[in-house]
Protein backbone atom coordinates (compact mmCIF):
# COMPACT_ATOMS: atom_id res chain seq x y z
CA MET A 1 -32.54 18.84 35.10
CA TYR A 2 -34.68 17.70 32.03
CA ALA A 3 -34.05 16.68 28.34
CA ALA A 4 -36.35 18.01 25.76
CA PHE A 5 -37.83 15.42 23.35
CA GLY A 6 -40.22 16.38 20.98
CA ASN A 7 -42.96 18.47 22.79
CA GLY A 8 -42.22 16.70 26.24
CA TYR A 9 -39.52 16.56 28.79
CA LEU A 10 -37.81 13.57 30.48
CA GLN A 11 -35.92 13.43 33.71
CA GLU A 12 -32.20 12.92 33.30
CA ASP A 13 -32.22 9.21 34.80
CA GLN A 14 -34.81 8.23 32.31
CA MET A 15 -32.95 9.27 28.94
CA ASN A 16 -32.09 6.31 26.57
CA ILE A 17 -29.83 7.45 23.66
CA LEU A 18 -28.75 5.05 20.91
CA LEU A 19 -25.72 5.89 19.11
CA ALA A 20 -25.60 4.53 15.53
CA PRO A 21 -22.98 6.45 13.21
CA ASP A 22 -21.65 5.02 9.89
CA SER A 23 -17.79 5.47 9.53
CA PHE A 24 -16.82 8.55 7.79
CA LYS A 25 -14.52 7.68 4.94
CA GLY A 26 -10.96 7.77 5.16
CA THR A 27 -11.24 9.67 8.61
CA PHE A 28 -13.05 8.16 11.35
CA THR A 29 -14.77 4.65 12.17
CA SER A 30 -18.05 3.97 13.53
CA ARG A 31 -16.44 3.08 16.94
CA GLU A 32 -14.60 6.37 17.17
CA ILE A 33 -17.70 8.63 16.65
CA SER A 34 -19.80 6.73 18.86
CA CYS A 35 -16.91 7.14 21.63
CA ALA A 36 -16.85 10.90 21.14
CA LEU A 37 -20.55 11.27 21.00
CA GLU A 38 -20.81 9.01 24.17
CA ALA A 39 -18.25 11.12 26.02
CA ALA A 40 -20.00 14.51 25.15
CA ILE A 41 -23.39 12.99 26.62
CA LEU A 42 -22.05 11.79 29.47
CA ARG A 43 -20.08 14.90 30.38
CA HIS A 44 -23.29 17.04 30.53
CA HIS A 45 -25.65 14.13 31.51
CA PRO A 46 -23.94 11.60 33.49
CA SER A 47 -27.12 9.68 34.25
CA ALA A 48 -28.06 9.23 30.68
CA HIS A 49 -28.14 5.68 29.28
CA VAL A 50 -26.36 5.07 26.23
CA LYS A 51 -26.16 2.19 23.89
CA LYS A 52 -23.96 1.96 20.74
CA VAL A 53 -24.11 -0.31 17.70
CA LEU A 54 -21.47 -0.30 14.71
CA ILE A 55 -23.19 0.64 11.54
CA SER A 56 -22.07 0.10 8.02
CA ASP A 57 -23.71 0.07 4.45
CA GLY A 58 -21.10 -2.16 3.01
CA GLY A 59 -18.07 0.35 3.02
CA GLU A 60 -15.58 1.00 5.43
CA GLY A 61 -16.61 -0.62 8.74
CA PHE A 62 -18.62 -3.24 7.53
CA LEU A 63 -16.16 -6.00 8.74
CA ALA A 64 -16.09 -4.41 11.98
CA ALA A 65 -19.86 -4.31 12.09
CA VAL A 66 -20.58 -7.74 11.22
CA LEU A 67 -18.20 -8.92 13.54
CA SER A 68 -19.81 -6.95 16.46
CA LEU A 69 -22.87 -8.87 15.86
CA LEU A 70 -21.61 -12.37 15.07
CA PRO A 71 -18.77 -14.70 16.20
CA GLY A 72 -16.02 -15.20 13.41
CA GLN A 73 -12.47 -15.78 12.72
CA VAL A 74 -10.60 -13.26 11.77
CA MET A 75 -8.13 -13.71 9.20
CA THR A 76 -5.14 -11.35 7.64
CA ASN A 77 -3.31 -11.54 4.42
CA THR A 78 -0.96 -9.53 2.43
CA VAL A 79 -2.70 -8.31 -0.92
CA THR A 80 -2.02 -5.77 -3.69
CA GLY A 81 -3.45 -2.16 -2.52
CA PRO A 82 -4.81 0.21 -4.77
CA TYR A 83 -1.64 1.61 -6.12
CA GLY A 84 0.35 -1.64 -6.18
CA GLU A 85 1.60 -1.32 -2.68
CA PRO A 86 1.21 -4.19 -0.27
CA VAL A 87 -1.40 -3.89 2.38
CA LYS A 88 -2.41 -6.13 5.08
CA ALA A 89 -6.16 -6.61 4.98
CA GLN A 90 -8.39 -8.44 7.09
CA TRP A 91 -11.55 -10.65 6.42
CA ALA A 92 -13.35 -12.95 8.49
CA ILE A 93 -15.08 -16.80 8.57
CA LEU A 94 -18.18 -16.88 10.26
CA PRO A 95 -19.29 -20.15 11.93
CA ASP A 96 -21.28 -21.47 9.12
CA GLY A 97 -18.39 -21.17 6.80
CA THR A 98 -19.38 -17.77 5.11
CA GLY A 99 -16.57 -15.68 4.30
CA VAL A 100 -16.71 -11.65 5.07
CA ILE A 101 -15.00 -9.26 3.10
CA GLU A 102 -14.78 -5.56 2.96
CA MET A 103 -13.51 -4.31 -0.42
CA ALA A 104 -12.08 -1.26 1.36
CA GLN A 105 -9.51 -3.25 3.28
CA ALA A 106 -7.75 -4.19 0.23
CA SER A 107 -8.85 -1.50 -2.51
CA GLY A 108 -10.18 1.50 -0.43
CA LEU A 109 -9.75 4.93 -0.80
CA GLY A 110 -8.48 5.51 2.66
CA LEU A 111 -5.72 3.16 2.23
CA ASN A 112 -3.48 5.66 0.48
CA THR A 113 -3.61 9.58 -0.11
CA GLN A 114 -2.89 9.38 -3.63
CA ARG A 115 -6.18 9.79 -5.75
CA ASN A 116 -5.83 8.37 -9.44
CA PRO A 117 -8.64 6.25 -10.78
CA LEU A 118 -6.67 5.83 -13.91
CA VAL A 119 -3.91 3.71 -12.36
CA ALA A 120 -5.86 2.50 -9.08
CA THR A 121 -6.60 -1.42 -9.16
CA SER A 122 -9.21 -3.90 -7.40
CA PHE A 123 -6.52 -6.81 -7.81
CA GLY A 124 -6.46 -7.01 -4.03
CA THR A 125 -9.99 -7.76 -3.74
CA GLY A 126 -9.73 -10.41 -6.05
CA GLU A 127 -6.90 -11.72 -3.84
CA LEU A 128 -9.14 -11.62 -0.87
CA ILE A 129 -11.61 -13.46 -2.61
CA ALA A 130 -9.20 -16.08 -3.55
CA HIS A 131 -8.17 -16.52 -0.03
CA ALA A 132 -11.67 -17.22 1.03
CA LEU A 133 -12.02 -19.81 -1.60
CA ASP A 134 -8.86 -21.50 -0.44
CA ALA A 135 -10.50 -21.64 3.07
CA GLY A 136 -13.34 -23.30 1.85
CA CYS A 137 -15.94 -20.79 1.91
CA HIS A 138 -19.16 -21.43 -0.31
CA ARG A 139 -20.70 -18.31 0.50
CA ILE A 140 -19.11 -14.86 0.66
CA LEU A 141 -20.61 -11.66 1.97
CA LEU A 142 -18.81 -8.69 0.02
CA GLY A 143 -19.22 -5.49 1.24
CA LEU A 144 -18.57 -2.60 -1.59
CA GLY A 145 -17.90 0.96 -0.63
CA GLY A 146 -15.40 3.36 -0.20
CA SER A 147 -13.32 1.98 -3.09
CA ALA A 148 -10.30 4.07 -5.00
CA THR A 149 -11.00 2.33 -7.95
CA ASN A 150 -12.92 2.70 -11.34
CA ASP A 151 -11.48 -0.18 -12.98
CA GLY A 152 -14.85 -2.38 -13.63
CA GLY A 153 -13.70 -5.02 -11.68
CA VAL A 154 -11.30 -5.82 -14.44
CA ASP A 155 -8.38 -6.40 -12.10
CA MET A 156 -10.33 -8.26 -9.67
CA ILE A 157 -11.18 -10.79 -12.29
CA LYS A 158 -7.52 -11.07 -13.13
CA ALA A 159 -6.66 -12.05 -9.62
CA LEU A 160 -9.04 -14.67 -10.04
CA GLY A 161 -7.54 -16.18 -13.26
CA ALA A 162 -9.25 -14.29 -15.95
CA GLN A 163 -7.17 -13.95 -18.83
CA ILE A 164 -7.24 -10.27 -20.09
CA SER A 165 -5.23 -9.40 -23.22
CA TYR A 166 -4.39 -5.67 -24.43
CA VAL A 167 -3.98 -4.26 -28.04
CA ASP A 168 -0.64 -3.03 -27.41
CA HIS A 169 0.42 -6.41 -25.86
CA ASN A 170 1.17 -5.00 -22.51
CA GLU A 171 0.02 -5.42 -18.97
CA HIS A 172 -2.36 -2.52 -17.61
CA PHE A 173 -4.02 -1.79 -14.17
CA GLY A 174 -6.50 0.60 -13.29
CA GLY A 175 -9.19 2.64 -15.47
CA ALA A 176 -6.74 3.85 -18.00
CA GLY A 177 -6.28 0.33 -19.09
CA LEU A 178 -9.96 -0.31 -20.04
CA SER A 179 -9.78 1.20 -23.58
CA LEU A 180 -7.00 -0.71 -24.42
CA ILE A 181 -8.47 -4.48 -23.75
CA ASP A 182 -8.73 -6.43 -26.84
CA ARG A 183 -10.00 -9.81 -25.30
CA ILE A 184 -11.49 -11.21 -21.97
CA ASP A 185 -11.50 -14.86 -21.37
CA LEU A 186 -13.48 -15.82 -18.35
CA GLY A 187 -13.14 -19.32 -19.06
CA THR A 188 -9.68 -19.46 -17.27
CA MET A 189 -11.51 -18.14 -14.06
CA ASP A 190 -11.27 -20.13 -10.67
CA PRO A 191 -13.94 -22.60 -11.30
CA ARG A 192 -15.11 -22.33 -7.53
CA ILE A 193 -16.75 -19.04 -8.31
CA SER A 194 -19.33 -20.70 -10.12
CA GLU A 195 -19.91 -22.92 -6.89
CA THR A 196 -19.96 -19.85 -4.54
CA GLN A 197 -22.89 -17.93 -3.40
CA PHE A 198 -21.99 -14.11 -3.53
CA ASP A 199 -23.95 -11.84 -1.68
CA VAL A 200 -23.05 -8.05 -2.04
CA LEU A 201 -23.75 -5.51 0.03
CA CYS A 202 -23.80 -1.87 -1.20
CA ASP A 203 -25.57 1.31 -1.04
CA VAL A 204 -26.15 2.57 -4.36
CA GLN A 205 -28.55 1.64 -7.33
CA ASN A 206 -26.71 3.53 -10.01
CA HIS A 207 -26.03 2.04 -13.30
CA LEU A 208 -22.44 1.54 -14.95
CA LEU A 209 -22.53 4.16 -17.24
CA GLY A 210 -23.84 7.73 -18.04
CA PRO A 211 -24.12 11.01 -16.00
CA GLN A 212 -25.48 9.05 -13.01
CA GLY A 213 -22.93 6.20 -13.64
CA ALA A 214 -19.87 4.88 -11.76
CA THR A 215 -17.65 7.39 -13.41
CA TYR A 216 -19.37 10.55 -13.26
CA THR A 217 -21.08 10.05 -10.04
CA PHE A 218 -18.20 8.79 -8.07
CA GLY A 219 -15.01 9.52 -9.93
CA PRO A 220 -14.51 12.82 -8.89
CA GLN A 221 -14.14 11.94 -4.98
CA LYS A 222 -11.65 9.57 -6.29
CA GLY A 223 -9.48 12.08 -7.93
CA ALA A 224 -10.71 12.31 -11.49
CA ASP A 225 -10.84 15.75 -12.93
CA HIS A 226 -12.76 16.59 -16.14
CA GLU A 227 -10.33 15.02 -18.62
CA MET A 228 -9.92 11.88 -16.46
CA LEU A 229 -13.56 11.37 -16.50
CA GLY A 230 -13.91 11.39 -20.34
CA GLU A 231 -11.22 8.72 -20.59
CA LEU A 232 -12.64 6.43 -17.65
CA GLU A 233 -16.16 6.64 -19.13
CA ALA A 234 -14.84 5.80 -22.58
CA GLY A 235 -12.95 2.84 -21.08
CA MET A 236 -16.20 1.77 -19.07
CA ASN A 237 -18.18 1.83 -22.48
CA HIS A 238 -15.67 -0.37 -24.23
CA LEU A 239 -15.68 -2.86 -21.32
CA SER A 240 -19.43 -3.05 -21.26
CA GLN A 241 -19.66 -3.81 -24.92
CA LEU A 242 -17.05 -6.67 -24.58
CA MET A 243 -18.76 -8.08 -21.72
CA GLY A 244 -21.96 -8.00 -23.38
CA GLU A 245 -20.73 -10.04 -25.91
CA ILE A 246 -19.46 -12.72 -23.49
CA LEU A 247 -22.49 -12.73 -21.20
CA GLY A 248 -25.02 -11.69 -23.74
CA VAL A 249 -26.58 -9.30 -21.20
CA SER A 250 -25.84 -5.39 -21.33
CA LEU A 251 -23.65 -4.67 -18.11
CA ASP A 252 -25.48 -0.99 -17.96
CA SER A 253 -28.73 -2.71 -17.85
CA LEU A 254 -28.18 -4.03 -14.14
CA PRO A 255 -28.77 -1.87 -11.13
CA GLY A 256 -26.09 -1.24 -8.73
CA GLY A 257 -23.40 -1.94 -11.66
CA GLY A 258 -22.26 1.28 -10.84
CA ALA A 259 -20.88 0.43 -7.35
CA ALA A 260 -17.26 0.35 -6.38
CA GLY A 261 -16.09 1.83 -9.67
CA GLY A 262 -18.21 -0.70 -11.82
CA MET A 263 -17.16 -3.69 -9.75
CA GLY A 264 -20.90 -4.13 -9.17
CA ALA A 265 -21.52 -4.73 -12.94
CA MET A 266 -18.85 -7.14 -12.94
CA LEU A 267 -20.04 -9.21 -9.82
CA LEU A 268 -23.69 -9.07 -11.23
CA GLY A 269 -22.68 -10.05 -14.66
CA ALA A 270 -19.91 -12.88 -14.22
CA PHE A 271 -20.37 -13.77 -10.71
CA HIS A 272 -24.38 -13.84 -10.61
CA ALA A 273 -23.91 -12.07 -7.60
CA THR A 274 -27.03 -11.08 -5.34
CA PHE A 275 -27.22 -7.52 -4.29
CA HIS A 276 -28.58 -6.15 -0.86
CA LEU A 277 -28.64 -2.74 0.63
CA GLY A 278 -25.96 -2.89 3.07
CA ILE A 279 -27.53 -0.85 5.80
CA ASP A 280 -30.85 -3.00 5.54
CA LEU A 281 -29.00 -6.25 6.35
CA LEU A 282 -26.88 -4.64 9.19
CA LEU A 283 -30.23 -3.26 10.89
CA HIS A 284 -31.57 -6.40 10.63
CA MET A 285 -28.65 -8.34 12.01
CA SER A 286 -28.63 -5.88 15.06
CA HIS A 287 -32.19 -6.43 15.80
CA PHE A 288 -32.38 -2.47 15.15
CA GLU A 289 -36.11 -2.27 15.83
CA GLN A 290 -35.73 -3.56 19.39
CA LEU A 291 -32.90 -1.02 20.09
CA VAL A 292 -35.07 1.85 18.48
CA SER A 293 -38.02 0.96 20.98
CA TRP A 294 -35.61 1.19 23.90
CA ALA A 295 -34.30 4.51 22.76
CA ASP A 296 -35.67 8.12 23.22
CA VAL A 297 -33.55 9.37 20.71
CA VAL A 298 -31.28 8.03 18.09
CA ILE A 299 -27.94 9.69 16.79
CA THR A 300 -26.43 8.65 13.54
CA GLY A 301 -24.02 10.00 10.80
CA GLU A 302 -21.98 9.67 7.82
CA GLY A 303 -19.10 11.39 6.36
CA LYS A 304 -21.19 13.52 3.99
CA ILE A 305 -24.75 14.37 4.04
CA ASP A 306 -26.03 14.96 0.60
CA GLY A 307 -28.81 14.25 -1.84
CA GLN A 308 -27.59 10.67 -2.06
CA SER A 309 -27.74 10.16 1.46
CA ALA A 310 -31.58 9.90 0.96
CA GLN A 311 -30.80 7.09 -1.56
CA GLY A 312 -30.24 3.80 0.25
CA LYS A 313 -27.65 4.91 2.51
CA VAL A 314 -27.31 4.54 6.18
CA LEU A 315 -29.52 7.81 7.29
CA SER A 316 -32.38 6.87 5.13
CA GLY A 317 -32.05 3.21 6.35
CA ILE A 318 -32.10 4.18 9.96
CA GLY A 319 -34.88 6.64 9.35
CA LYS A 320 -37.13 3.94 8.41
CA TYR A 321 -37.15 2.62 11.92
CA CYS A 322 -37.50 6.24 13.67
CA THR A 323 -41.01 7.38 12.52
CA ASN A 324 -41.78 8.04 16.34
CA THR A 325 -38.25 8.36 17.67
CA ARG A 326 -36.27 11.74 17.27
CA LEU A 327 -33.17 11.20 14.91
CA LEU A 328 -30.31 13.49 14.81
CA ALA A 329 -27.29 13.11 12.59
CA LEU A 330 -23.58 14.04 12.71
CA CYS A 331 -21.37 14.47 9.66
CA GLY A 332 -18.33 15.75 8.29
CA VAL A 333 -19.73 17.99 5.95
CA LEU A 334 -23.08 19.10 3.96
CA GLY A 335 -23.21 18.84 0.42
CA PRO A 336 -25.79 19.64 -2.31
CA ASP A 337 -29.51 18.74 -1.72
CA TYR A 338 -28.65 17.47 1.76
CA SER A 339 -32.26 18.97 3.08
CA GLN A 340 -33.68 15.78 1.31
CA ILE A 341 -32.75 13.84 4.26
CA TYR A 342 -35.32 15.41 6.49
CA GLN A 343 -37.91 13.69 4.51
CA HIS A 344 -36.52 10.53 5.81
CA HIS A 345 -37.38 11.24 9.70
CA VAL A 346 -34.09 13.07 10.41
CA ASP A 347 -34.92 15.92 12.77
CA ALA A 348 -31.64 17.65 12.69
CA VAL A 349 -28.11 17.54 11.30
CA MET A 350 -24.70 18.77 12.54
CA PRO A 351 -21.51 19.18 10.45
CA ILE A 352 -17.89 18.99 11.97
CA VAL A 353 -16.14 21.46 9.59
CA CYS A 354 -17.49 24.85 10.01
CA ASP A 355 -15.14 27.04 8.10
CA PHE A 356 -13.19 26.77 4.76
CA MET A 357 -10.31 24.35 5.12
CA ASP A 358 -8.25 21.63 2.93
CA PHE A 359 -8.36 18.30 3.89
CA SER A 360 -4.78 18.02 5.07
CA THR A 361 -5.94 20.62 7.90
CA MET A 362 -8.85 18.85 8.77
CA GLU A 363 -6.72 15.81 8.93
CA LYS A 364 -4.35 17.33 11.25
CA HIS A 365 -6.95 18.32 13.85
CA LYS A 366 -9.94 15.76 12.95
CA GLN A 367 -9.99 14.70 16.76
CA ALA A 368 -10.59 18.04 18.13
CA TYR A 369 -13.12 18.86 15.37
CA LEU A 370 -14.89 15.82 15.94
CA GLU A 371 -15.08 16.25 19.93
CA ASP A 372 -16.38 19.74 19.26
CA ALA A 373 -19.14 18.95 16.81
CA ALA A 374 -20.07 16.03 19.19
CA ASP A 375 -20.49 18.59 21.96
CA ARG A 376 -22.44 21.32 19.86
CA LEU A 377 -24.98 18.55 19.11
CA VAL A 378 -25.44 17.52 22.56
CA ARG A 379 -25.82 21.21 23.71
CA LEU A 380 -27.69 22.56 20.75
CA ALA A 381 -29.97 19.62 19.06
CA LEU A 382 -30.34 17.24 22.01
CA PHE A 383 -30.84 18.87 25.32
CA SER A 384 -32.75 21.85 26.85
CA TYR A 385 -32.03 23.33 30.34
């Protein structure tokens, strides 16, 4: 039996296959997807050589990806979830004292089936940062992505001691409270923040405001309808004006400020954080270039492949390494302009969902759908008999 690679064929015992998918937001981890792909490959071609690497762009699975590459002490703390519920969130301390925090562990979309960015809060992410500071961390790797929030990071800085007052003298959380802010006092914030290096990992360059900003680009996937979008954008405009007066710089001028419901702008402006493309850092840490040189074919993937996938996300990041290696992708669904990804050395894509269905139906049968898609990819796109 032979496998087709480009215009040539390899004997089955020569096949080297590298599996490097991102997690599928709120559905599958990177590890679960790799295991399903490996099972399909070995079922049809038991002599193939398979290697797996955990991948993340800073969102869900970021902590697990880092810990698969570096030793670290895993910590667990109960913090405030996106809708005020207590959640047990993990983070880690690396041997050099660096704290590793995944925002999705505390404020992620996958922690609750509720979708309402008017009330979703980033307070728990601030609590995780506080725990890292208490543990003596002077550098924090903070993965942004998969957030349920659109609060501009205001609730995060509350958890770290910032004083926020509102025109109605009540306490507010979530995006709905942004328009009601009367005053922000950063002087009461934990002084250790100014002594801490924040390296932020994310996959977007969107600014805070406007049609391509935090609200209008990412709000709909967090549950915002048309009316909500207008209210959230107005609140974000108000926050930008207030913070601009405090910091002397417009938050909307900062690339990446639209990440994680505007938390990116707060981190850049108030924390003087340094931003990195998450996928580039993880690929560097994993010595991905060496892995690709070993592989005859690479299989990657993410939850939704659309036009944004070509803009600094996992697929385009991996594509940089696969100019001479066949690259295939598995995804949950295909979205608008998905074909742009073919310009980044992706040869073929395979969606899991092949019919109209709501999310609850997909969730109920997700494992069967994943296994079926992995099998289709192996049969159709990878091998030829």
